[in-house]
PDB file of N, CA and C in Angstrom:
ATOM      1  N   MET A   1      -1.016  -6.103 -21.153  1.00  0.00           N
ATOM      2  CA  MET A   1      -2.021  -5.126 -20.335  1.00  0.00           C
ATOM      3  C   MET A   1      -1.094  -3.861 -20.030  1.00  0.00           C
ATOM      4  N   GLN A   2      -1.751  -3.039 -20.410  1.00  0.00           N
ATOM      5  CA  GLN A   2      -1.170  -1.539 -20.111  1.00  0.00           C
ATOM      6  C   GLN A   2      -1.001  -1.160 -18.582  1.00  0.00           C
ATOM      7  N   ARG A   3       0.031  -0.440 -18.155  1.00  0.00           N
ATOM      8  CA  ARG A   3       0.205  -0.267 -16.750  1.00  0.00           C
ATOM      9  C   ARG A   3      -1.519   0.397 -15.816  1.00  0.00           C
ATOM     10  N   LYS A   4      -2.013   1.157 -16.819  1.00  0.00           N
ATOM     11  CA  LYS A   4      -3.279   1.932 -16.643  1.00  0.00           C
ATOM     12  C   LYS A   4      -4.515   0.929 -16.243  1.00  0.00           C
ATOM     13  N   SER A   5      -4.349   0.072 -17.048  1.00  0.00           N
ATOM     14  CA  SER A   5      -5.464  -1.258 -16.780  1.00  0.00           C
ATOM     15  C   SER A   5      -5.121  -1.967 -15.513  1.00  0.00           C
ATOM     16  N   VAL A   6      -3.850  -2.393 -15.660  1.00  0.00           N
ATOM     17  CA  VAL A   6      -3.207  -3.213 -14.203  1.00  0.00           C
ATOM     18  C   VAL A   6      -3.676  -2.550 -13.051  1.00  0.00           C
ATOM     19  N   ILE A   7      -3.501  -1.173 -13.000  1.00  0.00           N
ATOM     20  CA  ILE A   7      -3.642  -0.325 -11.762  1.00  0.00           C
ATOM     21  C   ILE A   7      -5.251  -0.216 -11.518  1.00  0.00           C
ATOM     22  N   VAL A   8      -6.168  -0.177 -12.462  1.00  0.00           N
ATOM     23  CA  VAL A   8      -7.491  -0.206 -12.345  1.00  0.00           C
ATOM     24  C   VAL A   8      -7.888  -1.440 -11.639  1.00  0.00           C
ATOM     25  N   VAL A   9      -7.472  -2.597 -12.497  1.00  0.00           N
ATOM     26  CA  VAL A   9      -7.829  -4.057 -12.020  1.00  0.00           C
ATOM     27  C   VAL A   9      -7.522  -4.395 -10.744  1.00  0.00           C
ATOM     28  N   TYR A  10      -6.264  -3.983 -10.299  1.00  0.00           N
ATOM     29  CA  TYR A  10      -5.593  -4.155  -8.845  1.00  0.00           C
ATOM     30  C   TYR A  10      -6.350  -3.463  -7.911  1.00  0.00           C
ATOM     31  N   GLY A  11      -6.690  -1.906  -8.234  1.00  0.00           N
ATOM     32  CA  GLY A  11      -7.369  -1.370  -7.142  1.00  0.00           C
ATOM     33  C   GLY A  11      -8.954  -1.948  -7.117  1.00  0.00           C
ATOM     34  N   ILE A  12      -9.517  -2.459  -8.180  1.00  0.00           N
ATOM     35  CA  ILE A  12     -10.914  -3.167  -7.992  1.00  0.00           C
ATOM     36  C   ILE A  12     -11.018  -4.111  -6.962  1.00  0.00           C
ATOM     37  N   LEU A  13      -9.840  -5.117  -7.712  1.00  0.00           N
ATOM     38  CA  LEU A  13      -9.855  -6.377  -6.517  1.00  0.00           C
ATOM     39  C   LEU A  13      -9.344  -6.282  -5.291  1.00  0.00           C
ATOM     40  N   VAL A  14      -8.557  -5.337  -4.923  1.00  0.00           N
ATOM     41  CA  VAL A  14      -8.230  -4.918  -3.579  1.00  0.00           C
ATOM     42  C   VAL A  14      -9.568  -4.319  -2.808  1.00  0.00           C
ATOM     43  N   GLY A  15     -10.100  -3.712  -3.354  1.00  0.00           N
ATOM     44  CA  GLY A  15     -11.362  -3.080  -2.960  1.00  0.00           C
ATOM     45  C   GLY A  15     -12.229  -4.141  -2.335  1.00  0.00           C
ATOM     46  N   LEU A  16     -12.412  -4.745  -3.495  1.00  0.00           N
ATOM     47  CA  LEU A  16     -13.595  -6.096  -3.264  1.00  0.00           C
ATOM     48  C   LEU A  16     -13.335  -7.002  -2.381  1.00  0.00           C
ATOM     49  N   LEU A  17     -11.898  -7.284  -2.053  1.00  0.00           N
ATOM     50  CA  LEU A  17     -11.184  -8.021  -1.393  1.00  0.00           C
ATOM     51  C   LEU A  17     -11.634  -7.373   0.304  1.00  0.00           C
ATOM     52  N   GLY A  18     -11.193  -6.277   0.442  1.00  0.00           N
ATOM     53  CA  GLY A  18     -11.365  -5.674   1.794  1.00  0.00           C
ATOM     54  C   GLY A  18     -13.103  -5.828   1.956  1.00  0.00           C
ATOM     55  N   ALA A  19     -13.692  -5.028   0.954  1.00  0.00           N
ATOM     56  CA  ALA A  19     -14.953  -5.433   1.551  1.00  0.00           C
ATOM     57  C   ALA A  19     -15.740  -6.644   1.889  1.00  0.00           C
ATOM     58  N   VAL A  20     -15.307  -7.569   1.009  1.00  0.00           N
ATOM     59  CA  VAL A  20     -16.031  -8.875   1.151  1.00  0.00           C
ATOM     60  C   VAL A  20     -15.597  -9.428   2.582  1.00  0.00           C
ATOM     61  N   SER A  21     -14.140  -9.393   2.795  1.00  0.00           N
ATOM     62  CA  SER A  21     -13.510  -9.998   4.035  1.00  0.00           C
ATOM     63  C   SER A  21     -14.111  -9.172   5.050  1.00  0.00           C
ATOM     64  N   ALA A  22     -14.396  -7.896   5.067  1.00  0.00           N
ATOM     65  CA  ALA A  22     -14.696  -7.144   6.164  1.00  0.00           C
ATOM     66  C   ALA A  22     -16.354  -7.601   6.596  1.00  0.00           C
ATOM     67  N   ASN A  23     -17.000  -7.846   5.719  1.00  0.00           N
ATOM     68  CA  ASN A  23     -18.499  -8.586   5.890  1.00  0.00           C
ATOM     69  C   ASN A  23     -18.538 -10.029   6.553  1.00  0.00           C
ATOM     70  N   ALA A  24     -17.449 -10.661   5.827  1.00  0.00           N
ATOM     71  CA  ALA A  24     -17.210 -12.157   6.139  1.00  0.00           C
ATOM     72  C   ALA A  24     -17.116 -12.294   7.776  1.00  0.00           C
ATOM     73  N   TRP A  25     -15.932 -11.400   8.063  1.00  0.00           N
ATOM     74  CA  TRP A  25     -15.307 -11.561   9.511  1.00  0.00           C
ATOM     75  C   TRP A  25     -15.320 -10.228  10.288  1.00  0.00           C
ATOM     76  N   PRO A  26     -16.601  -9.754  10.511  1.00  0.00           N
ATOM     77  CA  PRO A  26     -17.000  -8.472  11.154  1.00  0.00           C
ATOM     78  C   PRO A  26     -16.127  -8.332  12.826  1.00  0.00           C
ATOM     79  N   GLY A  27     -15.557  -9.355  13.336  1.00  0.00           N
ATOM     80  CA  GLY A  27     -15.012  -9.100  14.342  1.00  0.00           C
ATOM     81  C   GLY A  27     -13.411  -8.960  14.191  1.00  0.00           C
ATOM     82  N   HIS A  28     -12.971  -9.285  12.963  1.00  0.00           N
ATOM     83  CA  HIS A  28     -11.576  -8.837  12.637  1.00  0.00           C
ATOM     84  C   HIS A  28     -11.301  -7.395  11.576  1.00  0.00           C
ATOM     85  N   THR A  29     -12.124  -6.838  11.863  1.00  0.00           N
ATOM     86  CA  THR A  29     -12.544  -5.599  10.469  1.00  0.00           C
ATOM     87  C   THR A  29     -11.101  -4.869  10.657  1.00  0.00           C
ATOM     88  N   ALA A  30     -10.666  -4.202  11.837  1.00  0.00           N
ATOM     89  CA  ALA A  30      -9.355  -3.490  11.623  1.00  0.00           C
ATOM     90  C   ALA A  30      -8.338  -4.211  11.239  1.00  0.00           C
ATOM     91  N   GLN A  31      -8.189  -5.578  11.541  1.00  0.00           N
ATOM     92  CA  GLN A  31      -7.088  -6.214  11.016  1.00  0.00           C
ATOM     93  C   GLN A  31      -7.144  -6.412   9.658  1.00  0.00           C
ATOM     94  N   LEU A  32      -8.521  -6.565   9.024  1.00  0.00           N
ATOM     95  CA  LEU A  32      -8.450  -6.996   7.482  1.00  0.00           C
ATOM     96  C   LEU A  32      -8.310  -5.401   6.945  1.00  0.00           C
ATOM     97  N   GLN A  33      -8.941  -4.615   7.556  1.00  0.00           N
ATOM     98  CA  GLN A  33      -8.601  -3.101   6.763  1.00  0.00           C
ATOM     99  C   GLN A  33      -7.100  -2.871   6.718  1.00  0.00           C
ATOM    100  N   MET A  34      -6.143  -3.113   7.673  1.00  0.00           N
ATOM    101  CA  MET A  34      -4.943  -2.966   7.858  1.00  0.00           C
ATOM    102  C   MET A  34      -4.352  -3.739   6.574  1.00  0.00           C
ATOM    103  N   ALA A  35      -4.712  -4.928   6.398  1.00  0.00           N
ATOM    104  CA  ALA A  35      -4.165  -5.633   5.575  1.00  0.00           C
ATOM    105  C   ALA A  35      -4.504  -5.013   4.145  1.00  0.00           C
ATOM    106  N   THR A  36      -5.811  -4.743   3.823  1.00  0.00           N
ATOM    107  CA  THR A  36      -6.176  -4.252   2.642  1.00  0.00           C
ATOM    108  C   THR A  36      -5.411  -2.939   2.516  1.00  0.00           C
ATOM    109  N   TYR A  37      -5.145  -2.085   3.418  1.00  0.00           N
ATOM    110  CA  TYR A  37      -4.451  -0.829   3.199  1.00  0.00           C
ATOM    111  C   TYR A  37      -2.988  -1.073   2.797  1.00  0.00           C
ATOM    112  N   THR A  38      -2.429  -2.207   3.254  1.00  0.00           N
ATOM    113  CA  THR A  38      -1.032  -2.570   3.127  1.00  0.00           C
ATOM    114  C   THR A  38      -0.891  -2.799   1.437  1.00  0.00           C
ATOM    115  N   LEU A  39      -1.989  -3.831   1.153  1.00  0.00           N
ATOM    116  CA  LEU A  39      -1.701  -4.276  -0.070  1.00  0.00           C
ATOM    117  C   LEU A  39      -2.120  -3.155  -1.353  1.00  0.00           C
ATOM    118  N   ALA A  40      -2.727  -2.098  -1.100  1.00  0.00           N
ATOM    119  CA  ALA A  40      -3.465  -0.746  -1.684  1.00  0.00           C
ATOM    120  C   ALA A  40      -1.929  -0.102  -1.746  1.00  0.00           C
ATOM    121  N   VAL A  41      -1.320   0.152  -0.998  1.00  0.00           N
ATOM    122  CA  VAL A  41      -0.144   1.082  -0.922  1.00  0.00           C
ATOM    123  C   VAL A  41       0.920   0.492  -1.585  1.00  0.00           C
ATOM    124  N   LEU A  42       1.298  -0.908  -1.017  1.00  0.00           N
ATOM    125  CA  LEU A  42       2.668  -1.474  -1.511  1.00  0.00           C
ATOM    126  C   LEU A  42       2.444  -2.132  -2.754  1.00  0.00           C
ATOM    127  N   GLY A  43       1.194  -2.465  -3.180  1.00  0.00           N
ATOM    128  CA  GLY A  43       0.688  -3.121  -4.346  1.00  0.00           C
ATOM    129  C   GLY A  43       1.117  -1.894  -5.580  1.00  0.00           C
ATOM    130  N   LEU A  44       0.390  -0.914  -5.198  1.00  0.00           N
ATOM    131  CA  LEU A  44       0.451   0.142  -6.042  1.00  0.00           C
ATOM    132  C   LEU A  44       1.894   0.836  -6.272  1.00  0.00           C
ATOM    133  N   LEU A  45       2.575   0.830  -5.270  1.00  0.00           N
ATOM    134  CA  LEU A  45       3.686   1.281  -5.455  1.00  0.00           C
ATOM    135  C   LEU A  45       4.644   0.250  -6.179  1.00  0.00           C
ATOM    136  N   THR A  46       4.492  -0.871  -5.901  1.00  0.00           N
ATOM    137  CA  THR A  46       5.218  -1.981  -6.961  1.00  0.00           C
ATOM    138  C   THR A  46       5.024  -1.735  -8.259  1.00  0.00           C
ATOM    139  N   ILE A  47       3.399  -1.707  -8.585  1.00  0.00           N
ATOM    140  CA  ILE A  47       3.095  -1.550 -10.110  1.00  0.00           C
ATOM    141  C   ILE A  47       3.854  -0.378 -10.544  1.00  0.00           C
ATOM    142  N   GLY A  48       3.888   0.820  -9.816  1.00  0.00           N
ATOM    143  CA  GLY A  48       4.411   2.006 -10.335  1.00  0.00           C
ATOM    144  C   GLY A  48       5.862   2.111 -10.594  1.00  0.00           C
ATOM    145  N   LEU A  49       6.806   1.511  -9.662  1.00  0.00           N
ATOM    146  CA  LEU A  49       8.115   1.151  -9.857  1.00  0.00           C
ATOM    147  C   LEU A  49       8.501  -0.142 -10.343  1.00  0.00           C
ATOM    148  N   TRP A  50       7.823  -0.876 -11.077  1.00  0.00           N
ATOM    149  CA  TRP A  50       7.921  -1.898 -11.416  1.00  0.00           C
ATOM    150  C   TRP A  50       9.293  -2.072 -12.667  1.00  0.00           C
ATOM    151  N   SER A  51       9.450  -0.676 -13.104  1.00  0.00           N
ATOM    152  CA  SER A  51      10.356  -0.709 -14.252  1.00  0.00           C
ATOM    153  C   SER A  51      11.653  -0.652 -13.582  1.00  0.00           C
ATOM    154  N   ASP A  52      11.905  -0.291 -12.381  1.00  0.00           N
ATOM    155  CA  ASP A  52      13.266  -0.097 -11.905  1.00  0.00           C
ATOM    156  C   ASP A  52      13.647  -1.157 -11.129  1.00  0.00           C
ATOM    157  N   ARG A  53      13.029  -2.337 -11.286  1.00  0.00           N
ATOM    158  CA  ARG A  53      13.215  -3.450 -10.739  1.00  0.00           C
ATOM    159  C   ARG A  53      15.022  -3.742 -10.860  1.00  0.00           C
ATOM    160  N   GLY A  54      15.382  -3.470 -12.039  1.00  0.00           N
ATOM    161  CA  GLY A  54      16.757  -3.812 -12.273  1.00  0.00           C
ATOM    162  C   GLY A  54      18.024  -2.953 -11.767  1.00  0.00           C
ATOM    163  N   ARG A  55      17.551  -2.122 -10.994  1.00  0.00           N
ATOM    164  CA  ARG A  55      18.584  -0.991 -10.646  1.00  0.00           C
ATOM    165  C   ARG A  55      19.242  -1.228  -9.318  1.00  0.00           C
ATOM    166  N   PRO A  56      20.629  -1.019  -9.019  1.00  0.00           N
ATOM    167  CA  PRO A  56      21.025  -1.475  -8.113  1.00  0.00           C
ATOM    168  C   PRO A  56      20.585  -1.036  -6.836  1.00  0.00           C
ATOM    169  N   ARG A  57      20.957  -1.640  -5.815  1.00  0.00           N
ATOM    170  CA  ARG A  57      20.366  -1.643  -4.442  1.00  0.00           C
ATOM    171  C   ARG A  57      18.774  -1.700  -4.258  1.00  0.00           C
ATOM    172  N   ILE A  58      18.266  -2.465  -5.240  1.00  0.00           N
ATOM    173  CA  ILE A  58      16.742  -2.405  -5.058  1.00  0.00           C
ATOM    174  C   ILE A  58      16.424  -3.166  -3.866  1.00  0.00           C
ATOM    175  N   ARG A  59      17.032  -4.329  -3.329  1.00  0.00           N
ATOM    176  CA  ARG A  59      16.817  -5.014  -2.218  1.00  0.00           C
ATOM    177  C   ARG A  59      16.969  -4.094  -0.980  1.00  0.00           C
ATOM    178  N   GLU A  60      17.717  -3.050  -0.835  1.00  0.00           N
ATOM    179  CA  GLU A  60      17.934  -1.968   0.266  1.00  0.00           C
ATOM    180  C   GLU A  60      16.631  -1.211   0.315  1.00  0.00           C
ATOM    181  N   ALA A  61      16.179  -0.835  -0.894  1.00  0.00           N
ATOM    182  CA  ALA A  61      15.297   0.086  -1.032  1.00  0.00           C
ATOM    183  C   ALA A  61      13.779  -0.785  -0.716  1.00  0.00           C
ATOM    184  N   VAL A  62      13.646  -1.876  -1.158  1.00  0.00           N
ATOM    185  CA  VAL A  62      12.531  -2.711  -0.914  1.00  0.00           C
ATOM    186  C   VAL A  62      12.255  -2.960   0.854  1.00  0.00           C
ATOM    187  N   GLY A  63      13.503  -3.295   1.325  1.00  0.00           N
ATOM    188  CA  GLY A  63      13.761  -3.493   2.809  1.00  0.00           C
ATOM    189  C   GLY A  63      13.406  -2.075   3.535  1.00  0.00           C
ATOM    190  N   ALA A  64      13.855  -1.053   3.189  1.00  0.00           N
ATOM    191  CA  ALA A  64      13.458   0.018   3.826  1.00  0.00           C
ATOM    192  C   ALA A  64      12.059   0.597   3.509  1.00  0.00           C
ATOM    193  N   GLY A  65      11.396   0.472   2.448  1.00  0.00           N
ATOM    194  CA  GLY A  65       9.948   0.595   2.439  1.00  0.00           C
ATOM    195  C   GLY A  65       9.312  -0.205   3.242  1.00  0.00           C
ATOM    196  N   LEU A  66       9.528  -1.510   3.328  1.00  0.00           N
ATOM    197  CA  LEU A  66       8.682  -2.339   4.207  1.00  0.00           C
ATOM    198  C   LEU A  66       8.955  -2.254   5.593  1.00  0.00           C
ATOM    199  N   ILE A  67      10.078  -1.576   5.911  1.00  0.00           N
ATOM    200  CA  ILE A  67      10.320  -1.126   7.587  1.00  0.00           C
ATOM    201  C   ILE A  67       9.402  -0.080   7.741  1.00  0.00           C
ATOM    202  N   LEU A  68       9.437   0.910   6.718  1.00  0.00           N
ATOM    203  CA  LEU A  68       8.826   2.611   6.944  1.00  0.00           C
ATOM    204  C   LEU A  68       7.277   2.119   7.010  1.00  0.00           C
ATOM    205  N   HIS A  69       6.746   1.313   6.039  1.00  0.00           N
ATOM    206  CA  HIS A  69       5.459   1.031   5.858  1.00  0.00           C
ATOM    207  C   HIS A  69       4.991   0.400   7.107  1.00  0.00           C
ATOM    208  N   THR A  70       5.685  -0.629   8.004  1.00  0.00           N
ATOM    209  CA  THR A  70       5.463  -0.961   9.330  1.00  0.00           C
ATOM    210  C   THR A  70       5.404  -0.026  10.300  1.00  0.00           C
ATOM    211  N   ILE A  71       6.434   0.987  10.193  1.00  0.00           N
ATOM    212  CA  ILE A  71       6.286   1.964  11.181  1.00  0.00           C
ATOM    213  C   ILE A  71       5.279   2.825  11.233  1.00  0.00           C
ATOM    214  N   PHE A  72       4.936   3.171   9.729  1.00  0.00           N
ATOM    215  CA  PHE A  72       3.796   4.149   9.622  1.00  0.00           C
ATOM    216  C   PHE A  72       2.332   3.422  10.027  1.00  0.00           C
ATOM    217  N   LEU A  73       2.129   2.251   9.541  1.00  0.00           N
ATOM    218  CA  LEU A  73       1.045   1.435   9.687  1.00  0.00           C
ATOM    219  C   LEU A  73       0.560   1.314  11.390  1.00  0.00           C
ATOM    220  N   LEU A  74       1.727   1.157  12.270  1.00  0.00           N
ATOM    221  CA  LEU A  74       1.712   1.275  13.690  1.00  0.00           C
ATOM    222  C   LEU A  74       1.342   2.919  14.124  1.00  0.00           C
ATOM    223  N   ALA A  75       1.676   3.589  13.566  1.00  0.00           N
ATOM    224  CA  ALA A  75       1.716   5.038  13.869  1.00  0.00           C
ATOM    225  C   ALA A  75       0.310   5.585  13.552  1.00  0.00           C
ATOM    226  N   ILE A  76      -0.462   4.844  12.640  1.00  0.00           N
ATOM    227  CA  ILE A  76      -2.069   5.016  12.282  1.00  0.00           C
ATOM    228  C   ILE A  76      -2.755   4.175  12.771  1.00  0.00           C
ATOM    229  N   ARG A  77      -2.364   3.133  13.700  1.00  0.00           N
ATOM    230  CA  ARG A  77      -3.486   2.068  13.896  1.00  0.00           C
ATOM    231  C   ARG A  77      -4.685   2.595  14.507  1.00  0.00           C
ATOM    232  N   GLN A  78      -4.678   3.727  15.351  1.00  0.00           N
ATOM    233  CA  GLN A  78      -5.974   4.217  15.936  1.00  0.00           C
ATOM    234  C   GLN A  78      -6.956   4.630  14.797  1.00  0.00           C
ATOM    235  N   VAL A  79      -6.622   4.822  13.580  1.00  0.00           N
ATOM    236  CA  VAL A  79      -7.671   5.046  12.453  1.00  0.00           C
ATOM    237  C   VAL A  79      -8.385   4.005  12.108  1.00  0.00           C
ATOM    238  N   PHE A  80      -7.828   2.727  12.313  1.00  0.00           N
ATOM    239  CA  PHE A  80      -8.639   1.271  11.880  1.00  0.00           C
ATOM    240  C   PHE A  80      -9.683   0.879  13.188  1.00  0.00           C
ATOM    241  N   PRO A  81     -10.624   0.585  12.996  1.00  0.00           N
ATOM    242  CA  PRO A  81     -11.469   0.273  11.676  1.00  0.00           C
ATOM    243  C   PRO A  81     -12.024   1.494  11.408  1.00  0.00           C
ATOM    244  N   PHE A  82     -11.797   2.084  10.135  1.00  0.00           N
ATOM    245  CA  PHE A  82     -12.598   3.168   9.665  1.00  0.00           C
ATOM    246  C   PHE A  82     -13.918   2.889   9.021  1.00  0.00           C
ATOM    247  N   LYS A  83     -14.873   3.911   8.934  1.00  0.00           N
ATOM    248  CA  LYS A  83     -16.267   3.878   8.581  1.00  0.00           C
ATOM    249  C   LYS A  83     -16.524   3.771   7.197  1.00  0.00           C
ATOM    250  N   THR A  84     -15.358   5.014   6.428  1.00  0.00           N
ATOM    251  CA  THR A  84     -15.601   4.863   5.042  1.00  0.00           C
ATOM    252  C   THR A  84     -14.057   5.099   4.472  1.00  0.00           C
ATOM    253  N   PHE A  85     -13.727   4.433   3.151  1.00  0.00           N
ATOM    254  CA  PHE A  85     -12.452   4.326   2.897  1.00  0.00           C
ATOM    255  C   PHE A  85     -11.693   5.935   2.709  1.00  0.00           C
ATOM    256  N   LEU A  86     -12.873   6.846   2.351  1.00  0.00           N
ATOM    257  CA  LEU A  86     -12.180   8.219   2.335  1.00  0.00           C
ATOM    258  C   LEU A  86     -11.528   8.677   3.442  1.00  0.00           C
ATOM    259  N   ALA A  87     -11.728   7.989   4.438  1.00  0.00           N
ATOM    260  CA  ALA A  87     -10.962   8.760   5.973  1.00  0.00           C
ATOM    261  C   ALA A  87      -9.606   8.182   5.751  1.00  0.00           C
ATOM    262  N   VAL A  88      -9.247   7.304   4.821  1.00  0.00           N
ATOM    263  CA  VAL A  88      -7.737   6.570   5.055  1.00  0.00           C
ATOM    264  C   VAL A  88      -7.030   6.909   3.634  1.00  0.00           C
ATOM    265  N   ILE A  89      -7.770   7.918   2.608  1.00  0.00           N
ATOM    266  CA  ILE A  89      -6.925   7.839   1.475  1.00  0.00           C
ATOM    267  C   ILE A  89      -6.174   8.949   1.754  1.00  0.00           C
ATOM    268  N   PRO A  90      -6.003   9.862   2.387  1.00  0.00           N
ATOM    269  CA  PRO A  90      -5.104  11.078   2.733  1.00  0.00           C
ATOM    270  C   PRO A  90      -3.681  10.335   3.270  1.00  0.00           C
ATOM    271  N   TYR A  91      -4.133   9.314   4.216  1.00  0.00           N
ATOM    272  CA  TYR A  91      -2.717   8.569   4.583  1.00  0.00           C
ATOM    273  C   TYR A  91      -2.075   7.764   3.610  1.00  0.00           C
ATOM    274  N   ALA A  92      -2.858   7.102   2.725  1.00  0.00           N
ATOM    275  CA  ALA A  92      -2.230   6.313   1.641  1.00  0.00           C
ATOM    276  C   ALA A  92      -1.453   7.171   0.766  1.00  0.00           C
ATOM    277  N   ILE A  93      -1.982   8.307   0.277  1.00  0.00           N
ATOM    278  CA  ILE A  93      -1.402   9.116  -0.539  1.00  0.00           C
ATOM    279  C   ILE A  93      -0.065   9.607   0.041  1.00  0.00           C
ATOM    280  N   ILE A  94      -0.021  10.057   1.254  1.00  0.00           N
ATOM    281  CA  ILE A  94       1.116  10.723   1.947  1.00  0.00           C
ATOM    282  C   ILE A  94       2.219   9.283   2.040  1.00  0.00           C
ATOM    283  N   GLU A  95       1.643   8.350   2.435  1.00  0.00           N
ATOM    284  CA  GLU A  95       2.698   7.189   2.492  1.00  0.00           C
ATOM    285  C   GLU A  95       3.184   6.707   1.208  1.00  0.00           C
ATOM    286  N   GLY A  96       2.549   6.659   0.257  1.00  0.00           N
ATOM    287  CA  GLY A  96       2.808   6.102  -0.844  1.00  0.00           C
ATOM    288  C   GLY A  96       3.729   7.184  -1.424  1.00  0.00           C
ATOM    289  N   ILE A  97       3.805   8.505  -1.516  1.00  0.00           N
ATOM    290  CA  ILE A  97       4.692   9.389  -1.998  1.00  0.00           C
ATOM    291  C   ILE A  97       6.119   9.422  -0.980  1.00  0.00           C
ATOM    292  N   GLY A  98       5.886   9.181   0.417  1.00  0.00           N
ATOM    293  CA  GLY A  98       6.826   9.092   0.876  1.00  0.00           C
ATOM    294  C   GLY A  98       7.848   7.835   0.538  1.00  0.00           C
ATOM    295  N   LEU A  99       7.379   6.891   0.536  1.00  0.00           N
ATOM    296  CA  LEU A  99       7.790   5.621   0.112  1.00  0.00           C
ATOM    297  C   LEU A  99       8.555   5.593  -1.115  1.00  0.00           C
ATOM    298  N   ALA A 100       7.667   6.196  -2.141  1.00  0.00           N
ATOM    299  CA  ALA A 100       8.405   6.565  -3.426  1.00  0.00           C
ATOM    300  C   ALA A 100       9.533   7.101  -3.432  1.00  0.00           C
ATOM    301  N   ILE A 101       9.498   8.307  -2.725  1.00  0.00           N
ATOM    302  CA  ILE A 101      10.825   9.101  -2.664  1.00  0.00           C
ATOM    303  C   ILE A 101      12.020   8.313  -1.895  1.00  0.00           C
ATOM    304  N   VAL A 102      11.582   7.967  -0.892  1.00  0.00           N
ATOM    305  CA  VAL A 102      12.579   6.971  -0.483  1.00  0.00           C
ATOM    306  C   VAL A 102      13.303   5.952  -1.334  1.00  0.00           C
ATOM    307  N   PHE A 103      12.394   5.195  -1.891  1.00  0.00           N
ATOM    308  CA  PHE A 103      13.026   4.257  -2.744  1.00  0.00           C
ATOM    309  C   PHE A 103      13.798   4.891  -3.873  1.00  0.00           C
ATOM    310  N   LEU A 104      13.439   5.754  -4.712  1.00  0.00           N
ATOM    311  CA  LEU A 104      13.914   6.311  -5.537  1.00  0.00           C
ATOM    312  C   LEU A 104      15.329   6.825  -5.076  1.00  0.00           C
ATOM    313  N   LYS A 105      15.335   7.444  -3.893  1.00  0.00           N
ATOM    314  CA  LYS A 105      16.681   8.063  -3.302  1.00  0.00           C
ATOM    315  C   LYS A 105      17.640   6.897  -2.791  1.00  0.00           C
ATOM    316  N   ILE A 106      16.991   5.923  -2.506  1.00  0.00           N
ATOM    317  CA  ILE A 106      18.005   4.670  -2.395  1.00  0.00           C
ATOM    318  C   ILE A 106      18.615   3.978  -3.778  1.00  0.00           C
ATOM    319  N   VAL A 107      17.899   3.927  -4.504  1.00  0.00           N
ATOM    320  CA  VAL A 107      18.192   3.208  -5.968  1.00  0.00           C
ATOM    321  C   VAL A 107      19.226   4.369  -6.587  1.00  0.00           C
ATOM    322  N   GLY A 108      19.155   5.560  -6.375  1.00  0.00           N
ATOM    323  CA  GLY A 108      20.074   6.454  -6.828  1.00  0.00           C
ATOM    324  C   GLY A 108      19.311   6.808  -7.978  1.00  0.00           C
ATOM    325  N   TYR A 109      18.061   7.488  -7.989  1.00  0.00           N
ATOM    326  CA  TYR A 109      17.518   7.805  -9.296  1.00  0.00           C
ATOM    327  C   TYR A 109      17.689   9.280  -9.640  1.00  0.00           C
TER     328      TYR A 109
END
């Protein structure tokens, strides 16, 4: 399967998972949206950088990415629960670009 197809299928599945789970457990909407946000950002970053998995210092880069994502998620926690996904897209884009830059710097790209 081509990378573009993988991204499309992954995005659709994560979106459906988030929508179904928020409707199934309305008392936990904020936590479910945070989990879906994490799956979207880190999953798409993983798909995009999968070809670099053999580079040196990959473990340090992944560890730094997870720590930075946790810090960023704590910083924007007041955004959750959001009414529409359009409200959180700018945060996801900013974080994804930042994490990609940090990752590529650490692995020496």
